C-alpha atoms as a PDB file:
ATOM      1  CA  MET A   1      -2.888   6.111   7.699  1.00  0.00           C
ATOM      2  CA  LYS A   2      -0.934   2.531   9.763  1.00  0.00           C
ATOM      3  CA  PHE A   3       1.647   5.404  10.687  1.00  0.00           C
ATOM      4  CA  LYS A   4       4.044   2.377  10.984  1.00  0.00           C
ATOM      5  CA  LEU A   5       3.512   0.569   7.897  1.00  0.00           C
ATOM      6  CA  SER A   6       3.427   3.576   6.068  1.00  0.00           C
ATOM      7  CA  LEU A   7       6.713   4.412   6.655  1.00  0.00           C
ATOM      8  CA  LEU A   8       8.362   0.918   6.773  1.00  0.00           C
ATOM      9  CA  VAL A   9       6.567   1.178   2.947  1.00  0.00           C
ATOM     10  CA  VAL A  10       8.016   4.939   1.956  1.00  0.00           C
ATOM     11  CA  PHE A  11      11.182   4.157   3.326  1.00  0.00           C
ATOM     12  CA  THR A  12      11.695   0.970   1.009  1.00  0.00           C
ATOM     13  CA  SER A  13       9.886   2.993  -1.740  1.00  0.00           C
ATOM     14  CA  SER A  14      12.685   5.829  -1.399  1.00  0.00           C
ATOM     15  CA  LEU A  15      15.906   3.489  -1.438  1.00  0.00           C
ATOM     16  CA  ALA A  16      14.280   2.326  -5.040  1.00  0.00           C
ATOM     17  CA  PHE A  17      14.364   5.613  -5.916  1.00  0.00           C
ATOM     18  CA  ILE A  18      17.576   6.389  -4.540  1.00  0.00           C
ATOM     19  CA  MET A  19      19.060   3.390  -5.799  1.00  0.00           C
ATOM     20  CA  ALA A  20      17.140   4.101  -9.412  1.00  0.00           C
ATOM     21  CA  GLY A  21      19.518   7.340  -9.992  1.00  0.00           C
ATOM     22  CA  GLY A  22      16.634   9.643  -7.970  1.00  0.00           C
ATOM     23  CA  SER A  23      19.727  11.470  -5.983  1.00  0.00           C
ATOM     24  CA  GLY A  24      20.846  12.927  -9.214  1.00  0.00           C
ATOM     25  CA  MET A  25      17.517  14.841  -9.585  1.00  0.00           C
ATOM     26  CA  GLY A  26      18.256  17.013  -6.210  1.00  0.00           C
ATOM     27  CA  LEU A  27      16.625  16.948  -3.213  1.00  0.00           C
ATOM     28  CA  HIS A  28      13.198  18.695  -3.827  1.00  0.00           C
ATOM     29  CA  SER A  29      12.844  15.857  -6.160  1.00  0.00           C
ATOM     30  CA  PHE A  30      13.146  13.438  -3.252  1.00  0.00           C
ATOM     31  CA  VAL A  31      11.039  15.303  -1.020  1.00  0.00           C
ATOM     32  CA  ILE A  32       7.991  15.653  -3.230  1.00  0.00           C
ATOM     33  CA  PHE A  33       8.185  11.612  -3.840  1.00  0.00           C
ATOM     34  CA  ILE A  34       8.344  10.715   0.005  1.00  0.00           C
ATOM     35  CA  MET A  35       5.428  13.458   0.304  1.00  0.00           C
ATOM     36  CA  GLY A  36       3.423  11.648  -2.594  1.00  0.00           C
ATOM     37  CA  GLY A  37       4.178   8.197  -1.515  1.00  0.00           C
ATOM     38  CA  PHE A  38       3.287   8.576   1.838  1.00  0.00           C
ATOM     39  CA  LEU A  39       0.092  10.220   0.874  1.00  0.00           C
ATOM     40  CA  VAL A  40      -0.679   7.674  -1.610  1.00  0.00           C
ATOM     41  CA  THR A  41       0.280   4.599   1.137  1.00  0.00           C
ATOM     42  CA  GLY A  42      -2.046   6.100   3.854  1.00  0.00           C
ATOM     43  CA  SER A  43      -4.839   7.120   1.720  1.00  0.00           C
ATOM     44  CA  ALA A  44      -4.978   3.389   0.934  1.00  0.00           C
ATOM     45  CA  ASN A  45      -4.682   2.359   4.433  1.00  0.00           C
ATOM     46  CA  ALA A  46      -7.611   4.793   5.494  1.00  0.00           C
ATOM     47  CA  LEU A  47      -9.914   3.129   2.753  1.00  0.00           C
ATOM     48  CA  ASN A  48      -8.991   0.066   4.383  1.00  0.00           C
ATOM     49  CA  GLN A  49     -10.138   1.060   7.628  1.00  0.00           C
ATOM     50  CA  ILE A  50     -13.589   2.801   6.261  1.00  0.00           C
ATOM     51  CA  ILE A  51     -14.212  -0.944   4.012  1.00  0.00           C
ATOM     52  CA  GLU A  52     -13.410  -3.125   7.515  1.00  0.00           C
ATOM     53  CA  LYS A  53     -14.416  -0.694  10.257  1.00  0.00           C
ATOM     54  CA  ASP A  54     -16.960  -3.246  11.421  1.00  0.00           C
ATOM     55  CA  TYR A  55     -14.418  -6.215  11.275  1.00  0.00           C
ATOM     56  CA  ASP A  56     -12.052  -4.150  12.880  1.00  0.00           C
ATOM     57  CA  SER A  57     -14.172  -3.519  16.029  1.00  0.00           C
ATOM     58  CA  LEU A  58     -14.121  -7.267  16.786  1.00  0.00           C
ATOM     59  CA  MET A  59     -10.262  -7.717  16.136  1.00  0.00           C
ATOM     60  CA  SER A  60      -8.524  -6.838  19.824  1.00  0.00           C
ATOM     61  CA  ARG A  61      -5.249  -5.514  17.702  1.00  0.00           C
ATOM     62  CA  THR A  62      -7.164  -3.190  15.399  1.00  0.00           C
ATOM     63  CA  LYS A  63     -10.222  -2.201  17.572  1.00  0.00           C
ATOM     64  CA  ASP A  64      -8.540   1.126  18.446  1.00  0.00           C
ATOM     65  CA  ARG A  65      -8.389   2.145  15.716  1.00  0.00           C
ATOM     66  CA  PRO A  66     -10.009   5.651  14.544  1.00  0.00           C
ATOM     67  CA  VAL A  67     -13.078   4.863  12.400  1.00  0.00           C
ATOM     68  CA  ALA A  68     -13.529   1.346  14.210  1.00  0.00           C
ATOM     69  CA  SER A  69     -13.512   2.913  17.325  1.00  0.00           C
ATOM     70  CA  GLY A  70     -16.174   5.666  16.581  1.00  0.00           C
ATOM     71  CA  ARG A  71     -13.254   8.280  17.257  1.00  0.00           C
ATOM     72  CA  MET A  72     -13.543   9.407  13.513  1.00  0.00           C
ATOM     73  CA  ALA A  73     -16.951   9.591  11.321  1.00  0.00           C
ATOM     74  CA  ILE A  74     -16.654   7.719   8.952  1.00  0.00           C
ATOM     75  CA  SER A  75     -17.686  10.879   6.536  1.00  0.00           C
ATOM     76  CA  PHE A  76     -14.610  12.452   7.651  1.00  0.00           C
ATOM     77  CA  ALA A  77     -12.271   9.674   7.171  1.00  0.00           C
ATOM     78  CA  ILE A  78     -13.842   9.174   3.836  1.00  0.00           C
ATOM     79  CA  LEU A  79     -12.784  13.179   2.979  1.00  0.00           C
ATOM     80  CA  LEU A  80      -9.310  12.565   4.279  1.00  0.00           C
ATOM     81  CA  ALA A  81      -8.721   9.758   2.279  1.00  0.00           C
ATOM     82  CA  GLY A  82      -9.479  11.047  -0.765  1.00  0.00           C
ATOM     83  CA  ALA A  83      -7.808  14.485   0.050  1.00  0.00           C
ATOM     84  CA  MET A  84      -4.673  11.940   0.488  1.00  0.00           C
ATOM     85  CA  CYS A  85      -5.281   9.747  -2.667  1.00  0.00           C
ATOM     86  CA  ILE A  86      -5.395  12.895  -5.362  1.00  0.00           C
ATOM     87  CA  SER A  87      -2.675  15.390  -3.060  1.00  0.00           C
ATOM     88  CA  GLY A  88      -0.817  11.979  -3.072  1.00  0.00           C
ATOM     89  CA  LEU A  89      -1.057  11.062  -6.929  1.00  0.00           C
ATOM     90  CA  LEU A  90      -0.666  14.840  -8.126  1.00  0.00           C
ATOM     91  CA  LEU A  91       2.948  14.608  -6.342  1.00  0.00           C
ATOM     92  CA  LEU A  92       3.992  11.674  -8.202  1.00  0.00           C
ATOM     93  CA  ALA A  93       2.723  13.002 -11.515  1.00  0.00           C
ATOM     94  CA  TYR A  94       5.354  15.674 -11.342  1.00  0.00           C
ATOM     95  CA  PHE A  95       7.879  12.642 -12.017  1.00  0.00           C
ATOM     96  CA  ASN A  96       5.463  10.951 -14.741  1.00  0.00           C
ATOM     97  CA  THR A  97       2.643   9.935 -16.297  1.00  0.00           C
ATOM     98  CA  LEU A  98       3.138   6.060 -15.492  1.00  0.00           C
ATOM     99  CA  THR A  99       4.335   6.960 -11.737  1.00  0.00           C
ATOM    100  CA  ALA A 100       0.709   8.733 -10.866  1.00  0.00           C
ATOM    101  CA  LEU A 101      -0.534   5.541 -12.870  1.00  0.00           C
ATOM    102  CA  LEU A 102       0.610   2.914 -10.706  1.00  0.00           C
ATOM    103  CA  GLY A 103      -0.072   4.895  -7.784  1.00  0.00           C
ATOM    104  CA  ALA A 104      -3.459   5.222  -8.336  1.00  0.00           C
ATOM    105  CA  LEU A 105      -3.345   1.186  -9.056  1.00  0.00           C
ATOM    106  CA  SER A 106      -2.023  -0.046  -5.772  1.00  0.00           C
ATOM    107  CA  VAL A 107      -4.768   2.423  -4.278  1.00  0.00           C
ATOM    108  CA  ILE A 108      -7.351   0.849  -5.988  1.00  0.00           C
ATOM    109  CA  SER A 109      -6.180  -2.928  -5.622  1.00  0.00           C
ATOM    110  CA  TYR A 110      -5.389  -2.521  -2.222  1.00  0.00           C
ATOM    111  CA  ALA A 111      -7.765  -1.039  -1.042  1.00  0.00           C
ATOM    112  CA  PHE A 112     -10.954  -2.239  -3.558  1.00  0.00           C
ATOM    113  CA  ILE A 113      -9.690  -5.361  -4.925  1.00  0.00           C
ATOM    114  CA  TYR A 114      -7.559  -7.203  -1.724  1.00  0.00           C
ATOM    115  CA  THR A 115      -9.826  -5.504   0.924  1.00  0.00           C
ATOM    116  CA  PRO A 116     -12.938  -7.267   0.246  1.00  0.00           C
ATOM    117  CA  LEU A 117     -11.242 -10.168  -1.101  1.00  0.00           C
ATOM    118  CA  LYS A 118      -9.732 -10.882   2.794  1.00  0.00           C
ATOM    119  CA  ARG A 119     -13.753 -11.921   3.551  1.00  0.00           C
ATOM    120  CA  TYR A 120     -13.334 -14.994   0.834  1.00  0.00           C
ATOM    121  CA  SER A 121     -10.716 -17.200   0.216  1.00  0.00           C
ATOM    122  CA  PRO A 122      -7.000 -16.623   1.366  1.00  0.00           C
ATOM    123  CA  ILE A 123      -5.925 -16.090  -2.507  1.00  0.00           C
ATOM    124  CA  ALA A 124      -6.273 -12.563  -1.239  1.00  0.00           C
ATOM    125  CA  VAL A 125      -2.831 -12.533   0.405  1.00  0.00           C
ATOM    126  CA  PHE A 126      -1.528 -13.571  -3.156  1.00  0.00           C
ATOM    127  CA  VAL A 127      -3.807 -11.015  -5.102  1.00  0.00           C
ATOM    128  CA  GLY A 128      -2.608  -8.600  -2.032  1.00  0.00           C
ATOM    129  CA  ALA A 129       1.198  -8.750  -2.455  1.00  0.00           C
ATOM    130  CA  PHE A 130       1.096  -7.213  -5.534  1.00  0.00           C
ATOM    131  CA  PRO A 131      -0.252  -3.780  -4.650  1.00  0.00           C
ATOM    132  CA  GLY A 132       2.368  -4.169  -1.670  1.00  0.00           C
ATOM    133  CA  ALA A 133       5.540  -4.757  -3.785  1.00  0.00           C
ATOM    134  CA  LEU A 134       3.829  -1.315  -5.747  1.00  0.00           C
ATOM    135  CA  PRO A 135       5.969   0.988  -4.073  1.00  0.00           C
ATOM    136  CA  VAL A 136       9.263   0.019  -5.351  1.00  0.00           C
ATOM    137  CA  LEU A 137       8.470   0.171  -8.566  1.00  0.00           C
ATOM    138  CA  ILE A 138       7.102   3.254  -8.583  1.00  0.00           C
ATOM    139  CA  GLY A 139       9.933   4.223  -6.716  1.00  0.00           C
ATOM    140  CA  CYS A 140      11.821   3.082  -9.787  1.00  0.00           C
ATOM    141  CA  VAL A 141       9.634   4.092 -12.367  1.00  0.00           C
ATOM    142  CA  ALA A 142       9.824   8.080 -11.146  1.00  0.00           C
ATOM    143  CA  VAL A 143      12.820   8.260 -12.196  1.00  0.00           C
ATOM    144  CA  THR A 144      13.440   6.266 -15.038  1.00  0.00           C
ATOM    145  CA  GLY A 145      10.135   6.570 -16.860  1.00  0.00           C
ATOM    146  CA  GLU A 146       9.688   3.136 -17.841  1.00  0.00           C
ATOM    147  CA  ILE A 147       9.572  -0.220 -16.038  1.00  0.00           C
ATOM    148  CA  THR A 148      13.375  -1.899 -15.823  1.00  0.00           C
ATOM    149  CA  THR A 149      15.105  -5.385 -15.135  1.00  0.00           C
ATOM    150  CA  PHE A 150      16.272  -3.652 -11.750  1.00  0.00           C
ATOM    151  CA  ALA A 151      12.662  -2.287 -11.077  1.00  0.00           C
ATOM    152  CA  LEU A 152      11.453  -5.757 -11.702  1.00  0.00           C
ATOM    153  CA  LEU A 153      14.389  -7.588  -9.355  1.00  0.00           C
ATOM    154  CA  LEU A 154      13.264  -5.149  -6.566  1.00  0.00           C
ATOM    155  CA  PHE A 155       9.070  -5.923  -7.082  1.00  0.00           C
ATOM    156  CA  ALA A 156       9.982  -9.630  -6.803  1.00  0.00           C
ATOM    157  CA  ILE A 157      12.063  -9.147  -3.933  1.00  0.00           C
ATOM    158  CA  GLN A 158       9.467  -7.369  -1.975  1.00  0.00           C
ATOM    159  CA  PHE A 159       6.621  -9.287  -3.785  1.00  0.00           C
ATOM    160  CA  PHE A 160       8.083 -12.708  -2.169  1.00  0.00           C
ATOM    161  CA  TRP A 161       8.892 -10.929   1.363  1.00  0.00           C
ATOM    162  CA  GLN A 162       5.389 -10.153   2.063  1.00  0.00           C
ATOM    163  CA  PHE A 163       4.132 -14.425   1.911  1.00  0.00           C
ATOM    164  CA  PRO A 164       6.573 -15.301   5.031  1.00  0.00           C
ATOM    165  CA  HIS A 165       6.014 -12.399   6.706  1.00  0.00           C
ATOM    166  CA  PHE A 166       1.852 -12.613   6.319  1.00  0.00           C
ATOM    167  CA  TRP A 167       1.457 -16.069   6.938  1.00  0.00           C
ATOM    168  CA  ALA A 168       3.661 -15.334  10.537  1.00  0.00           C
ATOM    169  CA  ILE A 169       0.902 -12.539  10.835  1.00  0.00           C
ATOM    170  CA  GLY A 170      -1.573 -14.903  10.085  1.00  0.00           C
ATOM    171  CA  TRP A 171      -0.398 -17.327  12.504  1.00  0.00           C
ATOM    172  CA  LEU A 172      -0.352 -15.316  15.550  1.00  0.00           C
ATOM    173  CA  SER A 173      -3.452 -13.611  14.672  1.00  0.00           C
ATOM    174  CA  PHE A 174      -5.504 -16.446  13.789  1.00  0.00           C
ATOM    175  CA  ASP A 175      -8.122 -15.730  16.548  1.00  0.00           C
ATOM    176  CA  ASP A 176      -8.493 -11.945  15.667  1.00  0.00           C
ATOM    177  CA  TYR A 177      -9.336 -12.824  12.108  1.00  0.00           C
ATOM    178  CA  LYS A 178     -11.297 -15.993  12.693  1.00  0.00           C
ATOM    179  CA  LYS A 179     -13.763 -13.376  14.918  1.00  0.00           C
ATOM    180  CA  ALA A 180     -13.984 -11.269  12.587  1.00  0.00           C
ATOM    181  CA  GLY A 181     -14.785 -13.881   9.622  1.00  0.00           C
ATOM    182  CA  PHE A 182     -11.830 -13.240   7.729  1.00  0.00           C
ATOM    183  CA  LYS A 183     -10.259 -16.165   5.442  1.00  0.00           C
ATOM    184  CA  LEU A 184      -6.870 -15.259   5.230  1.00  0.00           C
ATOM    185  CA  VAL A 185      -5.842 -18.486   6.718  1.00  0.00           C
ATOM    186  CA  PRO A 186      -6.149 -21.966   4.961  1.00  0.00           C
ATOM    187  CA  VAL A 187      -7.671 -24.187   7.527  1.00  0.00           C
ATOM    188  CA  VAL A 188      -8.413 -27.401   7.689  1.00  0.00           C
ATOM    189  CA  ASP A 189     -11.005 -28.762  10.395  1.00  0.00           C
ATOM    190  CA  GLY A 190     -11.520 -25.656  11.848  1.00  0.00           C
ATOM    191  CA  LYS A 191      -7.112 -25.344  12.816  1.00  0.00           C
ATOM    192  CA  ILE A 192      -4.832 -23.274  10.119  1.00  0.00           C
ATOM    193  CA  ASP A 193      -3.668 -25.461   7.807  1.00  0.00           C
ATOM    194  CA  ALA A 194       0.292 -26.267   8.772  1.00  0.00           C
ATOM    195  CA  GLY A 195       0.930 -25.729   5.210  1.00  0.00           C
ATOM    196  CA  ILE A 196       1.300 -21.774   5.478  1.00  0.00           C
ATOM    197  CA  GLY A 197       4.917 -22.917   6.427  1.00  0.00           C
ATOM    198  CA  LYS A 198       5.847 -24.871   3.573  1.00  0.00           C
ATOM    199  CA  GLN A 199       4.508 -22.337   1.530  1.00  0.00           C
ATOM    200  CA  SER A 200       6.427 -19.506   3.477  1.00  0.00           C
ATOM    201  CA  LEU A 201       9.310 -21.435   3.002  1.00  0.00           C
ATOM    202  CA  PHE A 202       8.924 -21.682  -0.426  1.00  0.00           C
ATOM    203  CA  TYR A 203       8.413 -17.911  -1.260  1.00  0.00           C
ATOM    204  CA  THR A 204      11.357 -17.407   1.091  1.00  0.00           C
ATOM    205  CA  ILE A 205      13.586 -19.694  -0.973  1.00  0.00           C
ATOM    206  CA  MET A 206      12.761 -17.450  -4.108  1.00  0.00           C
ATOM    207  CA  ILE A 207      14.581 -14.517  -2.930  1.00  0.00           C
ATOM    208  CA  LEU A 208      17.398 -16.756  -3.929  1.00  0.00           C
ATOM    209  CA  PRO A 209      17.077 -16.528  -7.529  1.00  0.00           C
ATOM    210  CA  ALA A 210      16.354 -12.239  -7.261  1.00  0.00           C
ATOM    211  CA  SER A 211      19.374 -12.069  -5.501  1.00  0.00           C
ATOM    212  CA  ILE A 212      21.697 -13.446  -7.366  1.00  0.00           C
ATOM    213  CA  LEU A 213      19.785 -12.138 -10.902  1.00  0.00           C
ATOM    214  CA  PHE A 214      21.081  -8.839  -9.166  1.00  0.00           C
ATOM    215  CA  TYR A 215      24.858 -10.026  -9.643  1.00  0.00           C
ATOM    216  CA  LEU A 216      24.277 -11.372 -12.751  1.00  0.00           C
ATOM    217  CA  ASN A 217      22.604  -8.254 -14.528  1.00  0.00           C
ATOM    218  CA  GLY A 218      25.655  -6.458 -13.220  1.00  0.00           C
ATOM    219  CA  PHE A 219      23.839  -4.461 -10.751  1.00  0.00           C
ATOM    220  CA  ILE A 220      25.777  -5.489  -7.773  1.00  0.00           C
ATOM    221  CA  PRO A 221      29.559  -6.435  -7.320  1.00  0.00           C
ATOM    222  CA  LEU A 222      30.714  -9.441  -5.650  1.00  0.00           C
ATOM    223  CA  ILE A 223      30.686  -8.879  -2.215  1.00  0.00           C
ATOM    224  CA  GLY A 224      26.827  -7.396  -2.815  1.00  0.00           C
ATOM    225  CA  LEU A 225      25.770 -10.398  -4.012  1.00  0.00           C
ATOM    226  CA  ILE A 226      27.655 -12.450  -0.540  1.00  0.00           C
ATOM    227  CA  LEU A 227      25.985 -10.062   1.892  1.00  0.00           C
ATOM    228  CA  LEU A 228      22.088 -10.496  -0.025  1.00  0.00           C
ATOM    229  CA  LEU A 229      22.590 -14.425  -0.068  1.00  0.00           C
ATOM    230  CA  VAL A 230      23.617 -14.461   4.086  1.00  0.00           C
ATOM    231  CA  GLY A 231      20.473 -12.463   4.355  1.00  0.00           C
ATOM    232  CA  ALA A 232      18.547 -14.346   2.289  1.00  0.00           C
ATOM    233  CA  VAL A 233      19.480 -17.478   4.171  1.00  0.00           C
ATOM    234  CA  TYR A 234      18.899 -16.288   7.693  1.00  0.00           C
ATOM    235  CA  PHE A 235      15.557 -15.291   6.462  1.00  0.00           C
ATOM    236  CA  ILE A 236      14.984 -18.912   5.089  1.00  0.00           C
ATOM    237  CA  TYR A 237      16.493 -20.666   8.353  1.00  0.00           C
ATOM    238  CA  LYS A 238      13.906 -19.026  10.126  1.00  0.00           C
ATOM    239  CA  ALA A 239      11.103 -20.008   7.630  1.00  0.00           C
ATOM    240  CA  TYR A 240      12.248 -23.243   7.741  1.00  0.00           C
ATOM    241  CA  LEU A 241      12.018 -23.324  11.066  1.00  0.00           C
ATOM    242  CA  PHE A 242       8.287 -22.298  11.181  1.00  0.00           C
ATOM    243  CA  PHE A 243       7.597 -25.095   8.585  1.00  0.00           C
ATOM    244  CA  LYS A 244       8.886 -27.614  10.396  1.00  0.00           C
ATOM    245  CA  GLU A 245       7.480 -27.088  13.420  1.00  0.00           C
ATOM    246  CA  PRO A 246       4.575 -24.378  13.050  1.00  0.00           C
ATOM    247  CA  SER A 247       4.074 -22.474  16.754  1.00  0.00           C
ATOM    248  CA  ASP A 248       3.412 -19.072  18.006  1.00  0.00           C
ATOM    249  CA  PHE A 249       7.181 -18.741  18.985  1.00  0.00           C
ATOM    250  CA  SER A 250       8.661 -19.122  15.237  1.00  0.00           C
ATOM    251  CA  ALA A 251       6.039 -17.495  13.787  1.00  0.00           C
ATOM    252  CA  ARG A 252       6.915 -14.508  15.884  1.00  0.00           C
ATOM    253  CA  LYS A 253      10.821 -15.461  14.576  1.00  0.00           C
ATOM    254  CA  LEU A 254      10.002 -15.565  11.257  1.00  0.00           C
ATOM    255  CA  LEU A 255       7.499 -12.009  11.761  1.00  0.00           C
ATOM    256  CA  TYR A 256      11.151 -10.478  13.233  1.00  0.00           C
ATOM    257  CA  ALA A 257      13.306 -11.926  10.885  1.00  0.00           C
ATOM    258  CA  SER A 258      10.770 -10.281   7.854  1.00  0.00           C
ATOM    259  CA  LEU A 259      10.876  -6.880   9.619  1.00  0.00           C
ATOM    260  CA  TYR A 260      14.621  -6.990   9.550  1.00  0.00           C
ATOM    261  CA  PHE A 261      14.927  -8.576   6.545  1.00  0.00           C
ATOM    262  CA  LEU A 262      13.384  -6.165   4.004  1.00  0.00           C
ATOM    263  CA  PRO A 263      15.170  -2.608   5.544  1.00  0.00           C
ATOM    264  CA  ILE A 264      18.509  -4.452   5.970  1.00  0.00           C
ATOM    265  CA  ILE A 265      18.607  -6.160   2.179  1.00  0.00           C
ATOM    266  CA  PHE A 266      17.579  -2.601   0.236  1.00  0.00           C
ATOM    267  CA  SER A 267      20.425  -1.036   2.333  1.00  0.00           C
ATOM    268  CA  VAL A 268      22.698  -3.478   1.185  1.00  0.00           C
ATOM    269  CA  LEU A 269      21.594  -3.418  -2.651  1.00  0.00           C
ATOM    270  CA  LEU A 270      21.976   0.356  -2.043  1.00  0.00           C
ATOM    271  CA  PHE A 271      25.297   0.460  -0.898  1.00  0.00           C
ATOM    272  CA  ASN A 272      26.877  -1.820  -3.232  1.00  0.00           C
ATOM    273  CA  MET A 273      25.244  -0.565  -6.472  1.00  0.00           C
ATOM    274  CA  ASN A 274      27.782  -0.351  -9.505  1.00  0.00           C
ATOM    275  CA  GLY A 275      28.158   2.944 -11.259  1.00  0.00           C
END
């Protein structure tokens, strides 16, 4: 299930659920949403590992995963992934049909579009950013029943965040990806294209207008905007260092910054919401 990754996804989607007004729906609704989100996310991650079992076994950071290592039978893994998917979607359908449909879209796009595309082109990173950002949209839609401006802004922040986060991982895991035949990282003359630093910086900068739009639409007060901008500028600075001098050191610093940025920024939004 990629437990830690699933927890981060559920954490951000749960904050989106609360920010959209889900706290007024009662504790039981919140628990149902967390369970549904965790099961759907776990299902997508499980399907990813089933499809990539032969490639995971070639990479040092993934070779010990249950299916890749042979500790779990493929038939059981498929059964488990299917059970989690159906159960999770039924729980999300408790809120409204659109929430369940978006949940299904996230599983399909991640497991059956992004996952196989990883072996063909770095465009997979762009494609994968959509299912990666859908959880926050799902969190909002579960409450409102529609896709609002606020939901789209949350989606935008998580969408842009994924590029510097992934390119940092791509730089650090390039040798592993190469062994497994993944073409996620652009290559020039057999080496990583340093242009990923420019892309990391560009997409990180795009978080700024998204943050400002929260304020301009009246979702947060001025202090909330200032806190968002401080966090974004720090993230941009780390992306700039990676752009200026791509290295394992700068990539690792950018990766750490990305891991801290998302939960902190969503927490800032949560505690600075107007109304």
